[in-house]
Each structure stands twice: as structure tokens, then as C-alpha cells.
Amino acid sequence: MTCFLLWWCYNIFMKVGDLVKYEQPLSDSMDKHATAYGLVIMMSRTGHQTESAQVLFKDGVTAWFDSQVLEVVNESR
């Protein structure tokens, strides 16, 4: 399936169990991007067309993110 608006695809099709990638934005004190991978453990509707995802990272930390800043790496079946 080809999506013309990639952020739309990530939002609509993101679900619990998906493996996602989060790239931390660069700041003045950083030389390169920090990338983290985790599993979506909960979804929450935050607006009419927006959602947030709670992500569990491999170090056991959980955090909430706007689903638009996450990229689905591998969908759960």
C-alpha cells in the first residue's frame, strides 16, 4: 500500500503491539540524532483526528508520544 501522506499512514494504522521508532530532535548540545525503538502498549485519542501512543522501550521505561512523531517499523499481526 502506497501512502501519499506518510504521517497519515502512521497515525491511522498504528495500533497496540506495533514496533515503533522515535527519533529525538536535534538540539544545540547534540552532535547526532538519538533513536529509540519500542512497543506500543496503549493508544489514546487526544483530539478529533489525533492519537497518542504509550511506548514501552527495551530499558523498561514507558512514555507517551503524539503518534505523528513515531514511525511504525513493524506492524503487529
Protein backbone atom coordinates (compact mmCIF):
# COMPACT_ATOMS: atom_id res chain seq x y z
CA MET A 1 0.00 0.00 0.00
CA THR A 2 1.41 3.35 -1.01
CA CYS A 3 0.56 6.38 1.09
CA PHE A 4 0.80 9.87 -0.25
CA LEU A 5 0.91 11.40 3.23
CA LEU A 6 3.23 9.27 5.34
CA TRP A 7 2.21 10.82 8.66
CA TRP A 8 -1.39 9.91 7.85
CA CYS A 9 -0.43 6.26 7.35
CA TYR A 10 1.44 6.13 10.64
CA ASN A 11 -1.48 7.65 12.52
CA ILE A 12 -4.29 5.63 11.04
CA PHE A 13 -2.58 2.26 11.14
CA MET A 14 -0.66 2.47 14.43
CA LYS A 15 -2.01 0.04 16.99
CA VAL A 16 -1.11 -1.76 20.20
CA GLY A 17 1.71 -4.24 19.60
CA ASP A 18 3.42 -2.30 16.81
CA LEU A 19 7.18 -1.82 16.92
CA VAL A 20 7.86 1.91 16.54
CA LYS A 21 10.87 4.18 16.14
CA TYR A 22 11.26 7.54 17.87
CA GLU A 23 13.96 9.96 16.71
CA GLN A 24 14.75 12.63 19.26
CA PRO A 25 15.05 16.07 17.63
CA LEU A 26 18.49 17.60 17.46
CA SER A 27 19.38 20.26 19.99
CA ASP A 28 22.36 22.60 20.18
CA SER A 29 24.23 20.26 22.54
CA MET A 30 23.77 17.13 20.40
CA ASP A 31 26.01 16.03 17.56
CA LYS A 32 23.62 13.44 16.12
CA HIS A 33 20.11 12.03 16.41
CA ALA A 34 19.15 9.73 19.24
CA THR A 35 16.92 6.90 18.03
CA ALA A 36 14.89 4.60 20.27
CA TYR A 37 12.73 1.58 19.44
CA GLY A 38 9.79 0.37 21.49
CA LEU A 39 6.43 -1.38 21.51
CA VAL A 40 3.10 0.43 21.55
CA ILE A 41 1.29 -0.74 24.69
CA MET A 42 -1.66 1.67 24.73
CA MET A 43 -3.38 4.12 22.36
CA SER A 44 -5.40 7.17 23.36
CA ARG A 45 -7.45 9.55 21.24
CA THR A 46 -6.28 13.10 22.00
CA GLY A 47 -8.40 15.03 19.53
CA HIS A 48 -10.82 14.68 16.65
CA GLN A 49 -8.16 13.21 14.35
CA THR A 50 -5.13 12.80 16.63
CA GLU A 51 -3.89 9.99 18.85
CA SER A 52 -1.14 9.42 21.37
CA ALA A 53 0.70 6.17 21.94
CA GLN A 54 2.24 4.86 25.15
CA VAL A 55 5.52 3.18 24.21
CA LEU A 56 7.49 0.63 26.22
CA PHE A 57 11.22 0.84 25.49
CA LYS A 58 13.74 -2.00 25.97
CA ASP A 59 15.09 -0.46 29.18
CA GLY A 60 11.61 -0.74 30.76
CA VAL A 61 10.78 2.97 30.52
CA THR A 62 7.33 3.95 29.23
CA ALA A 63 6.41 7.30 27.73
CA TRP A 64 3.52 8.92 25.86
CA PHE A 65 4.09 10.40 22.39
CA ASP A 66 1.93 12.07 19.79
CA SER A 67 1.58 9.33 17.18
CA GLN A 68 2.74 11.77 14.49
CA VAL A 69 6.30 11.71 15.89
CA LEU A 70 6.52 7.90 15.80
CA GLU A 71 7.28 5.71 12.81
CA VAL A 72 5.87 2.19 12.57
CA VAL A 73 8.78 -0.19 11.93
CA ASN A 74 6.90 -3.49 12.12
CA GLU A 75 3.15 -3.92 12.46
CA SER A 76 1.71 -6.45 14.88
CA ARG A 77 -0.44 -9.14 13.32
